[in-house]
């Protein structure tokens, strides 16, 4: 069963290294209205476009979503 993008991203929380992946994962964890069950690129991308948490978050999302799709297939 394919996990949601949110669950995929939780692997980056708690990392000692800082980076866009950790920053986005931490923000997603704290953002209560984030669509946590979604696998849909369009739904997630649209949400981030309207609630972008930091500069470069959309670029980080695009890169991470591509990796997510490769790993979850």
N, C-alpha and C. Protein backbone atom coordinates (compact mmCIF):
# COMPACT_ATOMS: atom_id res chain seq x y z
N UNK A 1 0.84 -1.19 0.00
CA UNK A 1 0.00 0.00 0.00
C UNK A 1 0.89 1.24 0.00
N UNK A 2 0.56 2.17 -0.83
CA UNK A 2 1.31 3.41 -0.95
C UNK A 2 1.03 4.31 0.25
N UNK A 3 2.10 4.84 0.83
CA UNK A 3 1.89 5.77 1.95
C UNK A 3 1.70 7.19 1.40
N UNK A 4 1.13 8.03 2.21
CA UNK A 4 0.91 9.41 1.80
C UNK A 4 2.25 10.15 1.74
N UNK A 5 2.25 11.25 1.04
CA UNK A 5 3.46 12.08 0.94
C UNK A 5 3.86 12.56 2.33
N UNK A 6 2.90 12.91 3.15
CA UNK A 6 3.18 13.35 4.51
C UNK A 6 3.96 12.28 5.27
N UNK A 7 3.50 11.04 5.21
CA UNK A 7 4.19 9.97 5.92
C UNK A 7 5.58 9.72 5.34
N UNK A 8 5.72 9.86 4.06
CA UNK A 8 7.04 9.77 3.43
C UNK A 8 7.97 10.85 3.99
N UNK A 9 7.46 12.05 4.15
CA UNK A 9 8.27 13.19 4.59
C UNK A 9 8.68 13.10 6.06
N UNK A 10 7.94 12.36 6.86
CA UNK A 10 8.26 12.29 8.28
C UNK A 10 9.62 11.64 8.55
N UNK A 11 10.20 10.98 7.56
CA UNK A 11 11.55 10.41 7.72
C UNK A 11 12.59 11.50 7.89
N UNK A 12 12.29 12.73 7.48
CA UNK A 12 13.24 13.82 7.56
C UNK A 12 13.15 14.60 8.88
N UNK A 13 12.10 14.36 9.65
CA UNK A 13 11.97 15.04 10.95
C UNK A 13 12.99 14.48 11.93
N UNK A 14 13.50 15.35 12.76
CA UNK A 14 14.41 14.91 13.80
C UNK A 14 15.84 14.69 13.33
N UNK A 15 16.08 14.88 12.04
CA UNK A 15 17.46 14.76 11.55
C UNK A 15 18.33 15.82 12.20
N UNK A 16 19.55 15.46 12.49
CA UNK A 16 20.48 16.44 13.06
C UNK A 16 20.95 17.43 12.00
N UNK A 17 20.99 16.98 10.74
CA UNK A 17 21.38 17.87 9.67
C UNK A 17 20.22 18.78 9.31
N UNK A 18 20.53 20.04 9.06
CA UNK A 18 19.49 20.96 8.62
C UNK A 18 19.45 20.97 7.11
N UNK A 19 18.34 21.34 6.57
CA UNK A 19 18.18 21.41 5.13
C UNK A 19 16.73 21.64 4.80
N UNK A 20 16.48 21.83 3.52
CA UNK A 20 15.10 22.10 3.06
C UNK A 20 14.17 20.93 3.36
N UNK A 21 14.70 19.70 3.27
CA UNK A 21 13.87 18.53 3.54
C UNK A 21 13.37 18.53 4.98
N UNK A 22 14.28 18.75 5.91
CA UNK A 22 13.92 18.80 7.33
C UNK A 22 12.99 19.97 7.61
N UNK A 23 13.31 21.11 7.04
CA UNK A 23 12.50 22.31 7.26
C UNK A 23 11.07 22.08 6.77
N UNK A 24 10.93 21.49 5.59
CA UNK A 24 9.59 21.23 5.06
C UNK A 24 8.87 20.18 5.89
N UNK A 25 9.55 19.12 6.28
CA UNK A 25 8.93 18.07 7.10
C UNK A 25 8.48 18.61 8.45
N UNK A 26 9.32 19.42 9.08
CA UNK A 26 8.94 20.00 10.37
C UNK A 26 7.73 20.91 10.22
N UNK A 27 7.69 21.70 9.15
CA UNK A 27 6.56 22.59 8.92
C UNK A 27 5.29 21.78 8.68
N UNK A 28 5.39 20.72 7.86
CA UNK A 28 4.22 19.88 7.58
C UNK A 28 3.67 19.27 8.87
N UNK A 29 4.55 18.86 9.76
CA UNK A 29 4.14 18.27 11.03
C UNK A 29 3.36 19.28 11.88
N UNK A 30 3.80 20.52 11.87
CA UNK A 30 3.18 21.56 12.69
C UNK A 30 1.93 22.16 12.02
N UNK A 31 1.80 22.03 10.71
CA UNK A 31 0.70 22.62 9.95
C UNK A 31 -0.52 21.70 10.03
N UNK A 32 -1.45 22.02 10.91
CA UNK A 32 -2.58 21.13 11.18
C UNK A 32 -3.52 20.96 10.00
N UNK A 33 -3.57 21.93 9.10
CA UNK A 33 -4.49 21.80 7.97
C UNK A 33 -3.82 21.21 6.72
N UNK A 34 -2.55 20.81 6.82
CA UNK A 34 -1.87 20.18 5.68
C UNK A 34 -2.61 18.89 5.32
N UNK A 35 -2.81 18.63 4.00
CA UNK A 35 -3.53 17.42 3.60
C UNK A 35 -2.68 16.15 3.81
N UNK A 36 -2.67 15.66 5.02
CA UNK A 36 -1.76 14.59 5.45
C UNK A 36 -2.03 13.25 4.79
N UNK A 37 -3.20 13.00 4.29
CA UNK A 37 -3.52 11.71 3.67
C UNK A 37 -3.35 11.72 2.15
N UNK A 38 -3.00 12.85 1.60
CA UNK A 38 -2.95 12.99 0.14
C UNK A 38 -1.70 12.39 -0.48
N UNK A 39 -1.90 11.82 -1.68
CA UNK A 39 -0.81 11.35 -2.53
C UNK A 39 -0.76 12.19 -3.80
N UNK A 40 -1.71 13.09 -3.97
CA UNK A 40 -1.90 13.86 -5.20
C UNK A 40 -0.95 15.05 -5.30
N UNK A 41 -0.15 15.05 -6.36
CA UNK A 41 0.76 16.17 -6.60
C UNK A 41 -0.01 17.49 -6.68
N UNK A 42 -1.11 17.49 -7.44
CA UNK A 42 -1.86 18.73 -7.64
C UNK A 42 -2.41 19.28 -6.33
N UNK A 43 -2.98 18.42 -5.52
CA UNK A 43 -3.55 18.87 -4.24
C UNK A 43 -2.45 19.42 -3.32
N UNK A 44 -1.35 18.70 -3.22
CA UNK A 44 -0.25 19.12 -2.35
C UNK A 44 0.41 20.39 -2.86
N UNK A 45 0.64 20.46 -4.15
CA UNK A 45 1.28 21.62 -4.75
C UNK A 45 0.42 22.88 -4.57
N UNK A 46 -0.87 22.72 -4.80
CA UNK A 46 -1.78 23.86 -4.63
C UNK A 46 -1.78 24.34 -3.18
N UNK A 47 -1.79 23.42 -2.24
CA UNK A 47 -1.76 23.79 -0.83
C UNK A 47 -0.49 24.58 -0.52
N UNK A 48 0.64 24.07 -0.99
CA UNK A 48 1.91 24.75 -0.73
C UNK A 48 2.00 26.11 -1.43
N UNK A 49 1.40 26.23 -2.59
CA UNK A 49 1.39 27.53 -3.29
C UNK A 49 0.68 28.59 -2.44
N UNK A 50 -0.35 28.18 -1.74
CA UNK A 50 -1.13 29.14 -0.93
C UNK A 50 -0.60 29.30 0.49
N UNK A 51 0.22 28.35 0.94
CA UNK A 51 0.71 28.37 2.32
C UNK A 51 2.23 28.19 2.39
N UNK A 52 2.91 28.66 1.39
CA UNK A 52 4.36 28.44 1.30
C UNK A 52 5.06 28.86 2.59
N UNK A 53 5.73 27.91 3.25
CA UNK A 53 6.30 28.19 4.57
C UNK A 53 7.64 28.93 4.55
N UNK A 54 8.39 28.86 3.44
CA UNK A 54 9.70 29.50 3.37
C UNK A 54 10.12 29.59 1.90
N UNK A 55 11.03 30.50 1.59
CA UNK A 55 11.52 30.60 0.21
C UNK A 55 12.17 29.28 -0.21
N UNK A 56 11.83 28.83 -1.38
CA UNK A 56 12.39 27.58 -1.88
C UNK A 56 11.61 26.34 -1.50
N UNK A 57 10.51 26.50 -0.77
CA UNK A 57 9.75 25.32 -0.34
C UNK A 57 9.09 24.61 -1.52
N UNK A 58 8.65 25.35 -2.53
CA UNK A 58 8.02 24.70 -3.68
C UNK A 58 9.03 23.90 -4.49
N UNK A 59 10.23 24.44 -4.66
CA UNK A 59 11.29 23.71 -5.37
C UNK A 59 11.67 22.45 -4.59
N UNK A 60 11.77 22.57 -3.28
CA UNK A 60 12.08 21.41 -2.44
C UNK A 60 10.97 20.37 -2.56
N UNK A 61 9.73 20.83 -2.53
CA UNK A 61 8.59 19.92 -2.67
C UNK A 61 8.65 19.17 -3.99
N UNK A 62 8.89 19.88 -5.10
CA UNK A 62 8.94 19.23 -6.41
C UNK A 62 10.01 18.13 -6.44
N UNK A 63 11.16 18.43 -5.91
CA UNK A 63 12.26 17.46 -5.89
C UNK A 63 11.90 16.26 -5.01
N UNK A 64 11.35 16.53 -3.84
CA UNK A 64 11.00 15.47 -2.91
C UNK A 64 9.83 14.62 -3.42
N UNK A 65 8.89 15.27 -4.09
CA UNK A 65 7.74 14.52 -4.61
C UNK A 65 8.20 13.55 -5.70
N UNK A 66 9.14 13.97 -6.52
CA UNK A 66 9.67 13.10 -7.56
C UNK A 66 10.33 11.86 -6.92
N UNK A 67 11.11 12.07 -5.88
CA UNK A 67 11.74 10.96 -5.17
C UNK A 67 10.68 10.07 -4.53
N UNK A 68 9.68 10.68 -3.94
CA UNK A 68 8.57 9.94 -3.33
C UNK A 68 7.91 9.02 -4.35
N UNK A 69 7.63 9.53 -5.54
CA UNK A 69 6.99 8.71 -6.57
C UNK A 69 7.88 7.55 -6.99
N UNK A 70 9.17 7.79 -7.11
CA UNK A 70 10.09 6.72 -7.49
C UNK A 70 10.15 5.63 -6.42
N UNK A 71 10.19 6.03 -5.17
CA UNK A 71 10.31 5.06 -4.07
C UNK A 71 9.00 4.33 -3.77
N UNK A 72 7.89 4.97 -4.04
CA UNK A 72 6.59 4.38 -3.68
C UNK A 72 5.97 3.56 -4.80
N UNK A 73 6.59 3.50 -5.96
CA UNK A 73 6.01 2.72 -7.06
C UNK A 73 6.15 1.25 -6.85
